[in-house]
C-alpha atoms as a PDB file:
ATOM      1  CA  MET A   1      81.237  35.523  95.073  1.00  0.00           C
ATOM      2  CA  LEU A   2      79.202  31.937  94.926  1.00  0.00           C
ATOM      3  CA  ALA A   3      78.747  31.948  98.883  1.00  0.00           C
ATOM      4  CA  ARG A   4      76.111  34.392  98.470  1.00  0.00           C
ATOM      5  CA  GLN A   5      74.814  33.320  95.417  1.00  0.00           C
ATOM      6  CA  THR A   6      71.075  31.618  95.235  1.00  0.00           C
ATOM      7  CA  PRO A   7      70.761  27.092  94.512  1.00  0.00           C
ATOM      8  CA  MET A   8      69.164  28.227  91.827  1.00  0.00           C
ATOM      9  CA  VAL A   9      71.814  31.310  90.288  1.00  0.00           C
ATOM     10  CA  ARG A  10      74.426  28.634  91.495  1.00  0.00           C
ATOM     11  CA  GLY A  11      72.790  25.388  89.127  1.00  0.00           C
ATOM     12  CA  LEU A  12      72.703  28.281  86.076  1.00  0.00           C
ATOM     13  CA  ALA A  13      75.870  29.476  86.389  1.00  0.00           C
ATOM     14  CA  ALA A  14      76.895  25.532  86.268  1.00  0.00           C
ATOM     15  CA  ALA A  15      74.798  24.827  83.490  1.00  0.00           C
ATOM     16  CA  CYS A  16      76.371  27.673  81.235  1.00  0.00           C
ATOM     17  CA  ALA A  17      79.706  25.623  81.925  1.00  0.00           C
ATOM     18  CA  GLY A  18      78.770  22.323  80.677  1.00  0.00           C
ATOM     19  CA  ARG A  19      78.300  21.146  84.121  1.00  0.00           C
ATOM     20  CA  ASN A  20      75.388  18.762  85.486  1.00  0.00           C
ATOM     21  CA  THR A  21      73.165  21.208  87.602  1.00  0.00           C
ATOM     22  CA  LEU A  22      71.535  18.665  90.498  1.00  0.00           C
ATOM     23  CA  THR A  23      75.648  17.868  91.285  1.00  0.00           C
ATOM     24  CA  ALA A  24      76.626  21.439  91.039  1.00  0.00           C
ATOM     25  CA  ALA A  25      74.444  22.510  93.337  1.00  0.00           C
ATOM     26  CA  ARG A  26      75.054  19.843  96.268  1.00  0.00           C
ATOM     27  CA  LYS A  27      78.689  20.632  95.887  1.00  0.00           C
ATOM     28  CA  PRO A  28      79.695  21.875  99.446  1.00  0.00           C
ATOM     29  CA  LEU A  29      81.295  25.312  98.475  1.00  0.00           C
ATOM     30  CA  ALA A  30      84.295  26.645 100.014  1.00  0.00           C
ATOM     31  CA  THR A  31      84.307  29.940 101.365  1.00  0.00           C
ATOM     32  CA  GLN A  32      86.336  31.713 103.969  1.00  0.00           C
ATOM     33  CA  MET A  33      84.766  34.140 106.357  1.00  0.00           C
ATOM     34  CA  THR A  34      86.451  37.530 106.103  1.00  0.00           C
ATOM     35  CA  HIS A  35      87.033  40.605 109.219  1.00  0.00           C
ATOM     36  CA  VAL A  36      84.161  42.348 107.402  1.00  0.00           C
ATOM     37  CA  THR A  37      85.176  46.211 108.621  1.00  0.00           C
ATOM     38  CA  ASP A  38      83.285  49.632 109.422  1.00  0.00           C
ATOM     39  CA  LEU A  39      83.389  51.335 105.849  1.00  0.00           C
ATOM     40  CA  SER A  40      81.464  54.377 108.195  1.00  0.00           C
ATOM     41  CA  THR A  41      85.649  55.326 109.458  1.00  0.00           C
ATOM     42  CA  SER A  42      88.603  54.614 107.943  1.00  0.00           C
ATOM     43  CA  SER A  43      91.291  53.009 109.384  1.00  0.00           C
ATOM     44  CA  LYS A  44      93.721  55.641 109.230  1.00  0.00           C
ATOM     45  CA  ASP A  45      92.499  58.104 112.083  1.00  0.00           C
ATOM     46  CA  GLU A  46      88.812  57.032 112.639  1.00  0.00           C
ATOM     47  CA  ARG A  47      87.428  59.713 110.743  1.00  0.00           C
ATOM     48  CA  PRO A  48      84.049  59.454 108.654  1.00  0.00           C
ATOM     49  CA  VAL A  49      84.814  58.631 105.297  1.00  0.00           C
ATOM     50  CA  SER A  50      82.110  60.915 103.171  1.00  0.00           C
ATOM     51  CA  PRO A  51      82.344  63.931 105.931  1.00  0.00           C
ATOM     52  CA  HIS A  52      79.092  66.537 106.068  1.00  0.00           C
ATOM     53  CA  ILE A  53      80.391  69.523 103.920  1.00  0.00           C
ATOM     54  CA  LEU A  54      80.513  72.169 106.757  1.00  0.00           C
ATOM     55  CA  ILE A  55      83.102  70.431 109.095  1.00  0.00           C
ATOM     56  CA  TYR A  56      85.075  68.919 105.869  1.00  0.00           C
ATOM     57  CA  ALA A  57      89.109  70.533 105.910  1.00  0.00           C
ATOM     58  CA  TRP A  58      89.269  71.796 102.035  1.00  0.00           C
ATOM     59  CA  PRO A  59      91.834  72.419 100.344  1.00  0.00           C
ATOM     60  CA  LEU A  60      92.297  75.790  99.000  1.00  0.00           C
ATOM     61  CA  ALA A  61      92.580  74.724  95.023  1.00  0.00           C
ATOM     62  CA  ALA A  62      89.201  73.394  95.966  1.00  0.00           C
ATOM     63  CA  ILE A  63      88.108  76.880  97.699  1.00  0.00           C
ATOM     64  CA  SER A  64      89.395  78.409  94.579  1.00  0.00           C
ATOM     65  CA  SER A  65      87.987  76.525  92.605  1.00  0.00           C
ATOM     66  CA  VAL A  66      84.561  76.833  94.079  1.00  0.00           C
ATOM     67  CA  THR A  67      85.063  81.035  94.273  1.00  0.00           C
ATOM     68  CA  THR A  68      86.135  80.894  90.572  1.00  0.00           C
ATOM     69  CA  ARG A  69      82.749  79.054  89.540  1.00  0.00           C
ATOM     70  CA  VAL A  70      80.618  81.510  92.201  1.00  0.00           C
ATOM     71  CA  THR A  71      82.146  84.498  90.783  1.00  0.00           C
ATOM     72  CA  GLY A  72      81.399  84.001  87.254  1.00  0.00           C
ATOM     73  CA  GLY A  73      77.746  82.714  88.299  1.00  0.00           C
ATOM     74  CA  LEU A  74      77.019  85.976  90.468  1.00  0.00           C
ATOM     75  CA  LEU A  75      79.201  87.955  87.205  1.00  0.00           C
ATOM     76  CA  ALA A  76      76.180  86.508  84.872  1.00  0.00           C
ATOM     77  CA  VAL A  77      73.878  87.403  87.149  1.00  0.00           C
ATOM     78  CA  GLY A  78      75.138  91.530  86.632  1.00  0.00           C
ATOM     79  CA  VAL A  79      74.660  91.300  83.364  1.00  0.00           C
ATOM     80  CA  TYR A  80      71.870  89.611  82.702  1.00  0.00           C
ATOM     81  CA  GLY A  81      69.976  92.260  85.345  1.00  0.00           C
ATOM     82  CA  ILE A  82      71.512  95.325  83.570  1.00  0.00           C
ATOM     83  CA  GLY A  83      70.503  93.996  80.659  1.00  0.00           C
ATOM     84  CA  ILE A  84      66.921  93.196  81.542  1.00  0.00           C
ATOM     85  CA  GLY A  85      67.107  96.515  83.368  1.00  0.00           C
ATOM     86  CA  SER A  86      68.195  98.302  79.996  1.00  0.00           C
ATOM     87  CA  LEU A  87      65.182  96.635  78.239  1.00  0.00           C
ATOM     88  CA  LEU A  88      62.810  98.004  80.638  1.00  0.00           C
ATOM     89  CA  GLY A  89      63.547 101.237  80.091  1.00  0.00           C
ATOM     90  CA  GLY A  90      65.698 102.212  83.124  1.00  0.00           C
ATOM     91  CA  ASP A  91      69.143 104.088  82.332  1.00  0.00           C
ATOM     92  CA  MET A  92      71.776 101.772  83.717  1.00  0.00           C
ATOM     93  CA  PRO A  93      74.747 104.143  83.349  1.00  0.00           C
ATOM     94  CA  ALA A  94      72.824 107.140  85.197  1.00  0.00           C
ATOM     95  CA  THR A  95      72.075 104.355  87.527  1.00  0.00           C
ATOM     96  CA  MET A  96      75.849 102.974  88.356  1.00  0.00           C
ATOM     97  CA  ALA A  97      76.872 106.955  87.932  1.00  0.00           C
ATOM     98  CA  SER A  98      74.548 107.588  90.992  1.00  0.00           C
ATOM     99  CA  LEU A  99      75.751 104.179  92.618  1.00  0.00           C
ATOM    100  CA  GLY A 100      79.433 104.929  92.335  1.00  0.00           C
ATOM    101  CA  ALA A 101      78.678 108.530  93.880  1.00  0.00           C
ATOM    102  CA  SER A 102      76.619 107.398  96.509  1.00  0.00           C
ATOM    103  CA  GLY A 103      77.994 106.563 100.383  1.00  0.00           C
ATOM    104  CA  LEU A 104      77.458 103.167  98.924  1.00  0.00           C
ATOM    105  CA  GLY A 105      80.336 103.341  95.920  1.00  0.00           C
ATOM    106  CA  PRO A 106      82.909 101.765  97.489  1.00  0.00           C
ATOM    107  CA  LEU A 107      80.674  98.817  98.574  1.00  0.00           C
ATOM    108  CA  VAL A 108      79.431  98.519  95.490  1.00  0.00           C
ATOM    109  CA  LYS A 109      82.119  98.831  93.207  1.00  0.00           C
ATOM    110  CA  LEU A 110      83.810  95.879  94.925  1.00  0.00           C
ATOM    111  CA  SER A 111      81.314  93.512  94.620  1.00  0.00           C
ATOM    112  CA  VAL A 112      82.039  94.296  90.865  1.00  0.00           C
ATOM    113  CA  ALA A 113      85.791  94.395  90.726  1.00  0.00           C
ATOM    114  CA  PHE A 114      86.247  90.877  93.149  1.00  0.00           C
ATOM    115  CA  PRO A 115      84.191  89.133  91.450  1.00  0.00           C
ATOM    116  CA  LEU A 116      85.196  90.460  88.092  1.00  0.00           C
ATOM    117  CA  SER A 117      89.366  90.236  88.972  1.00  0.00           C
ATOM    118  CA  TYR A 118      89.253  86.919  90.452  1.00  0.00           C
ATOM    119  CA  HIS A 119      86.960  85.346  88.081  1.00  0.00           C
ATOM    120  CA  PHE A 120      89.561  86.950  84.713  1.00  0.00           C
ATOM    121  CA  LEU A 121      92.552  85.522  87.261  1.00  0.00           C
ATOM    122  CA  GLY A 122      90.919  82.296  87.736  1.00  0.00           C
ATOM    123  CA  ALA A 123      90.257  81.949  83.892  1.00  0.00           C
ATOM    124  CA  THR A 124      93.987  83.124  83.564  1.00  0.00           C
ATOM    125  CA  ARG A 125      95.401  80.098  85.630  1.00  0.00           C
ATOM    126  CA  HIS A 126      93.040  77.633  83.905  1.00  0.00           C
ATOM    127  CA  PHE A 127      94.573  79.147  80.296  1.00  0.00           C
ATOM    128  CA  TYR A 128      98.130  78.457  81.831  1.00  0.00           C
ATOM    129  CA  TRP A 129      97.098  74.663  82.866  1.00  0.00           C
ATOM    130  CA  GLU A 130      95.427  73.704  79.686  1.00  0.00           C
ATOM    131  CA  LYS A 131      98.072  75.029  78.067  1.00  0.00           C
ATOM    132  CA  PHE A 132     101.244  73.515  80.222  1.00  0.00           C
ATOM    133  CA  PRO A 133      99.527  70.576  81.790  1.00  0.00           C
ATOM    134  CA  GLU A 134     103.229  69.748  83.490  1.00  0.00           C
ATOM    135  CA  GLY A 135     102.984  72.559  85.826  1.00  0.00           C
ATOM    136  CA  LEU A 136      99.482  70.993  87.189  1.00  0.00           C
ATOM    137  CA  ASN A 137     100.505  69.633  90.753  1.00  0.00           C
ATOM    138  CA  VAL A 138      99.369  70.164  94.313  1.00  0.00           C
ATOM    139  CA  ASP A 139     102.084  73.221  95.262  1.00  0.00           C
ATOM    140  CA  SER A 140     101.485  75.317  92.497  1.00  0.00           C
ATOM    141  CA  GLN A 141      97.502  74.929  93.154  1.00  0.00           C
ATOM    142  CA  ARG A 142      98.137  76.018  96.467  1.00  0.00           C
ATOM    143  CA  MET A 143      99.956  78.529  95.196  1.00  0.00           C
ATOM    144  CA  SER A 144      98.269  80.024  92.345  1.00  0.00           C
ATOM    145  CA  SER A 145      95.391  80.019  94.621  1.00  0.00           C
ATOM    146  CA  ILE A 146      97.235  82.001  97.140  1.00  0.00           C
ATOM    147  CA  GLY A 147      98.368  84.661  94.093  1.00  0.00           C
ATOM    148  CA  ILE A 148      95.049  84.359  92.529  1.00  0.00           C
ATOM    149  CA  PHE A 149      93.493  85.830  96.277  1.00  0.00           C
ATOM    150  CA  ALA A 150      95.998  88.002  97.222  1.00  0.00           C
ATOM    151  CA  GLY A 151      95.933  89.616  93.370  1.00  0.00           C
ATOM    152  CA  SER A 152      91.898  89.946  93.094  1.00  0.00           C
ATOM    153  CA  GLY A 153      92.241  91.019  96.319  1.00  0.00           C
ATOM    154  CA  LEU A 154      94.851  93.673  95.221  1.00  0.00           C
ATOM    155  CA  ILE A 155      93.107  94.754  92.309  1.00  0.00           C
ATOM    156  CA  SER A 156      89.881  94.968  93.722  1.00  0.00           C
ATOM    157  CA  PHE A 157      90.831  97.346  96.251  1.00  0.00           C
ATOM    158  CA  ILE A 158      92.794  99.864  94.049  1.00  0.00           C
ATOM    159  CA  LEU A 159      88.944  99.765  91.942  1.00  0.00           C
ATOM    160  CA  MET A 160      87.094 100.369  95.193  1.00  0.00           C
ATOM    161  CA  PHE A 161      88.872 104.178  95.179  1.00  0.00           C
ATOM    162  CA  LEU A 162      88.927 105.016  91.844  1.00  0.00           C
END
């Protein structure tokens, strides 16, 4: 630490310690050379420390967390869109019924059913973890993420054809 300080800073530090600044500045410093490693690679397997988001192998729990946040945002956009459409004088129940009965009906239903079911199941898991934090570990995160993806896929598939 002292090897990187200027003489003025060393003198000030010595003065604060009650020493003579002139003799403290002239004393040789004991330094040792340390091997500087390249911080852009890890020593374990020579991969970048901070890889680009597109090449990073995301854990399933992280993908599940991002999906929960995205589905929540999409649901909010949908609710605001329906509200604004109603305020502007649109007949939203008739619009929804006509979309559901059209050829795109199953796709439209899927676009609502998946975010709704996924976000609900993700919120349920989060509520469980808040109440029982001892159940929060890597294995339970992975298994619950698989369960949420599978459960919301099944629920969405069923709701798509109603």
